[in-house]
Amino acid sequence: MKILLDECVTKKLKRLLENYEVYTVAEMGWNGLKNGNLLQKATQECFDILLTIDKSIDSQQNISKYKLSLVILDVSKSNLKHLEPLIPAFVAKMQQIEKGKSYLIESEPS
């Protein structure tokens, strides 16, 4: 599974996904790309998932025209304290994810 971490996601998240092939937008040299261009580049580079916290991408872009999945982690801040609790749900969901679709991973109610 090849995962791209969006610019708005802390690169520290990579260590929680060490069993997967994970790259950051910065590592790919794609800083500053608009969402449509980013999705196009990610598709060209055969990424399976764009992992983001940007909830607006789904309404701004037609994900079905890209051969990757958009996964949105429903957090207000991109730090490990907020992201880490969502990673088990993300990993569990990964096997059911279909390309061309978007998914929202929310925290479990306490």
C-alpha atoms as a PDB file:
ATOM      1  CA  MET A   1       0.000   0.000   0.000  1.00  0.00           C
ATOM      2  CA  LYS A   2       1.557   3.286  -1.137  1.00  0.00           C
ATOM      3  CA  ILE A   3       0.383   6.249   0.964  1.00  0.00           C
ATOM      4  CA  LEU A   4       0.926   9.974   0.410  1.00  0.00           C
ATOM      5  CA  LEU A   5       0.687  12.269   3.433  1.00  0.00           C
ATOM      6  CA  ASP A   6      -0.797  15.622   2.476  1.00  0.00           C
ATOM      7  CA  GLU A   7       1.047  18.832   3.403  1.00  0.00           C
ATOM      8  CA  CYS A   8      -1.391  19.461   6.246  1.00  0.00           C
ATOM      9  CA  VAL A   9      -0.489  16.149   7.936  1.00  0.00           C
ATOM     10  CA  THR A  10       2.549  16.019  10.195  1.00  0.00           C
ATOM     11  CA  LYS A  11       5.406  13.949   8.781  1.00  0.00           C
ATOM     12  CA  LYS A  12       5.727  12.339  12.226  1.00  0.00           C
ATOM     13  CA  LEU A  13       2.729  10.194  11.285  1.00  0.00           C
ATOM     14  CA  LYS A  14       5.050   8.120   9.073  1.00  0.00           C
ATOM     15  CA  ARG A  15       6.437   6.273  12.079  1.00  0.00           C
ATOM     16  CA  LEU A  16       2.942   5.030  12.972  1.00  0.00           C
ATOM     17  CA  LEU A  17       2.600   3.604   9.461  1.00  0.00           C
ATOM     18  CA  GLU A  18       6.021   1.983   9.187  1.00  0.00           C
ATOM     19  CA  ASN A  19       4.566  -1.238   7.721  1.00  0.00           C
ATOM     20  CA  TYR A  20       3.518   0.681   4.601  1.00  0.00           C
ATOM     21  CA  GLU A  21       5.239   2.657   1.868  1.00  0.00           C
ATOM     22  CA  VAL A  22       4.624   6.231   3.046  1.00  0.00           C
ATOM     23  CA  TYR A  23       5.831   9.491   1.502  1.00  0.00           C
ATOM     24  CA  THR A  24       5.133  13.104   2.338  1.00  0.00           C
ATOM     25  CA  VAL A  25       4.204  15.763  -0.208  1.00  0.00           C
ATOM     26  CA  ALA A  26       7.481  17.510   0.678  1.00  0.00           C
ATOM     27  CA  GLU A  27       9.532  14.359  -0.010  1.00  0.00           C
ATOM     28  CA  MET A  28       7.924  14.136  -3.433  1.00  0.00           C
ATOM     29  CA  GLY A  29       8.751  17.803  -4.140  1.00  0.00           C
ATOM     30  CA  TRP A  30       5.067  18.678  -4.514  1.00  0.00           C
ATOM     31  CA  ASN A  31       4.783  21.439  -1.903  1.00  0.00           C
ATOM     32  CA  GLY A  32       2.267  24.097  -2.840  1.00  0.00           C
ATOM     33  CA  LEU A  33       0.402  22.073  -5.470  1.00  0.00           C
ATOM     34  CA  LYS A  34      -3.329  22.737  -5.641  1.00  0.00           C
ATOM     35  CA  ASN A  35      -5.493  19.754  -4.697  1.00  0.00           C
ATOM     36  CA  GLY A  36      -6.404  18.793  -8.270  1.00  0.00           C
ATOM     37  CA  ASN A  37      -2.773  18.827  -9.393  1.00  0.00           C
ATOM     38  CA  LEU A  38      -1.742  16.937  -6.280  1.00  0.00           C
ATOM     39  CA  LEU A  39      -4.309  14.207  -6.917  1.00  0.00           C
ATOM     40  CA  GLN A  40      -3.186  13.965 -10.541  1.00  0.00           C
ATOM     41  CA  LYS A  41       0.513  13.671  -9.583  1.00  0.00           C
ATOM     42  CA  ALA A  42      -0.268  11.125  -6.877  1.00  0.00           C
ATOM     43  CA  THR A  43      -2.220   9.041  -9.383  1.00  0.00           C
ATOM     44  CA  GLN A  44       0.634   9.214 -11.905  1.00  0.00           C
ATOM     45  CA  GLU A  45       3.065   7.999  -9.223  1.00  0.00           C
ATOM     46  CA  CYS A  46       0.758   5.049  -8.371  1.00  0.00           C
ATOM     47  CA  PHE A  47      -0.170   6.113  -4.851  1.00  0.00           C
ATOM     48  CA  ASP A  48      -3.053   4.107  -3.425  1.00  0.00           C
ATOM     49  CA  ILE A  49      -4.121   6.624  -0.777  1.00  0.00           C
ATOM     50  CA  LEU A  50      -3.872  10.356  -0.179  1.00  0.00           C
ATOM     51  CA  LEU A  51      -4.112  10.776   3.591  1.00  0.00           C
ATOM     52  CA  THR A  52      -5.221  14.237   4.706  1.00  0.00           C
ATOM     53  CA  ILE A  53      -7.041  16.219   7.381  1.00  0.00           C
ATOM     54  CA  ASP A  54      -8.372  18.676   4.782  1.00  0.00           C
ATOM     55  CA  LYS A  55     -12.125  18.065   4.801  1.00  0.00           C
ATOM     56  CA  SER A  56     -12.690  20.441   1.868  1.00  0.00           C
ATOM     57  CA  ILE A  57     -10.893  18.303  -0.749  1.00  0.00           C
ATOM     58  CA  ASP A  58     -13.805  15.896  -0.989  1.00  0.00           C
ATOM     59  CA  SER A  59     -16.272  18.647  -1.904  1.00  0.00           C
ATOM     60  CA  GLN A  60     -13.827  20.489  -4.193  1.00  0.00           C
ATOM     61  CA  GLN A  61     -12.601  17.533  -6.226  1.00  0.00           C
ATOM     62  CA  ASN A  62     -14.268  14.687  -8.107  1.00  0.00           C
ATOM     63  CA  ILE A  63     -12.319  11.849  -6.499  1.00  0.00           C
ATOM     64  CA  SER A  64     -13.938   9.258  -8.777  1.00  0.00           C
ATOM     65  CA  LYS A  65     -11.801  10.428 -11.698  1.00  0.00           C
ATOM     66  CA  TYR A  66      -8.554   9.535  -9.887  1.00  0.00           C
ATOM     67  CA  LYS A  67      -7.125   6.047  -9.431  1.00  0.00           C
ATOM     68  CA  LEU A  68      -6.486   6.459  -5.738  1.00  0.00           C
ATOM     69  CA  SER A  69      -8.475   6.791  -2.531  1.00  0.00           C
ATOM     70  CA  LEU A  70      -8.850   9.893  -0.434  1.00  0.00           C
ATOM     71  CA  VAL A  71      -8.818   9.252   3.303  1.00  0.00           C
ATOM     72  CA  ILE A  72      -9.661  12.151   5.584  1.00  0.00           C
ATOM     73  CA  LEU A  73      -8.740  11.903   9.243  1.00  0.00           C
ATOM     74  CA  ASP A  74     -11.345  13.892  11.174  1.00  0.00           C
ATOM     75  CA  VAL A  75      -9.155  15.934  13.505  1.00  0.00           C
ATOM     76  CA  SER A  76      -8.787  19.637  14.152  1.00  0.00           C
ATOM     77  CA  LYS A  77      -4.981  19.663  14.475  1.00  0.00           C
ATOM     78  CA  SER A  78      -2.229  17.766  12.714  1.00  0.00           C
ATOM     79  CA  ASN A  79      -0.201  16.509  15.608  1.00  0.00           C
ATOM     80  CA  LEU A  80       0.349  12.968  16.786  1.00  0.00           C
ATOM     81  CA  LYS A  81      -1.752  13.499  19.899  1.00  0.00           C
ATOM     82  CA  HIS A  82      -4.815  14.015  17.692  1.00  0.00           C
ATOM     83  CA  LEU A  83      -3.901  11.665  14.815  1.00  0.00           C
ATOM     84  CA  GLU A  84      -2.655   8.593  16.683  1.00  0.00           C
ATOM     85  CA  PRO A  85      -6.068   7.495  18.049  1.00  0.00           C
ATOM     86  CA  LEU A  86      -7.412   7.312  14.468  1.00  0.00           C
ATOM     87  CA  ILE A  87      -4.635   5.138  13.057  1.00  0.00           C
ATOM     88  CA  PRO A  88      -6.049   1.745  14.167  1.00  0.00           C
ATOM     89  CA  ALA A  89      -9.366   2.565  12.433  1.00  0.00           C
ATOM     90  CA  PHE A  90      -7.499   3.740   9.337  1.00  0.00           C
ATOM     91  CA  VAL A  91      -5.384   0.575   9.168  1.00  0.00           C
ATOM     92  CA  ALA A  92      -8.464  -1.615   9.681  1.00  0.00           C
ATOM     93  CA  LYS A  93     -10.309   0.248   6.897  1.00  0.00           C
ATOM     94  CA  MET A  94      -7.422   0.089   4.403  1.00  0.00           C
ATOM     95  CA  GLN A  95      -8.270  -3.395   3.148  1.00  0.00           C
ATOM     96  CA  GLN A  96     -11.802  -2.290   2.213  1.00  0.00           C
ATOM     97  CA  ILE A  97     -10.831   0.984   0.562  1.00  0.00           C
ATOM     98  CA  GLU A  98     -11.682   1.338  -3.122  1.00  0.00           C
ATOM     99  CA  LYS A  99      -9.883   3.620  -5.555  1.00  0.00           C
ATOM    100  CA  GLY A 100     -11.888   6.600  -6.740  1.00  0.00           C
ATOM    101  CA  LYS A 101     -13.676   6.982  -3.412  1.00  0.00           C
ATOM    102  CA  SER A 102     -13.207   9.099  -0.324  1.00  0.00           C
ATOM    103  CA  TYR A 103     -13.444   7.993   3.292  1.00  0.00           C
ATOM    104  CA  LEU A 104     -13.746   9.861   6.569  1.00  0.00           C
ATOM    105  CA  ILE A 105     -12.106   8.285   9.621  1.00  0.00           C
ATOM    106  CA  GLU A 106     -13.631   9.637  12.804  1.00  0.00           C
ATOM    107  CA  SER A 107     -12.715   9.067  16.411  1.00  0.00           C
ATOM    108  CA  GLU A 108     -14.876   6.733  18.425  1.00  0.00           C
ATOM    109  CA  PRO A 109     -17.261   8.525  20.785  1.00  0.00           C
ATOM    110  CA  SER A 110     -16.108   8.346  24.378  1.00  0.00           C
END
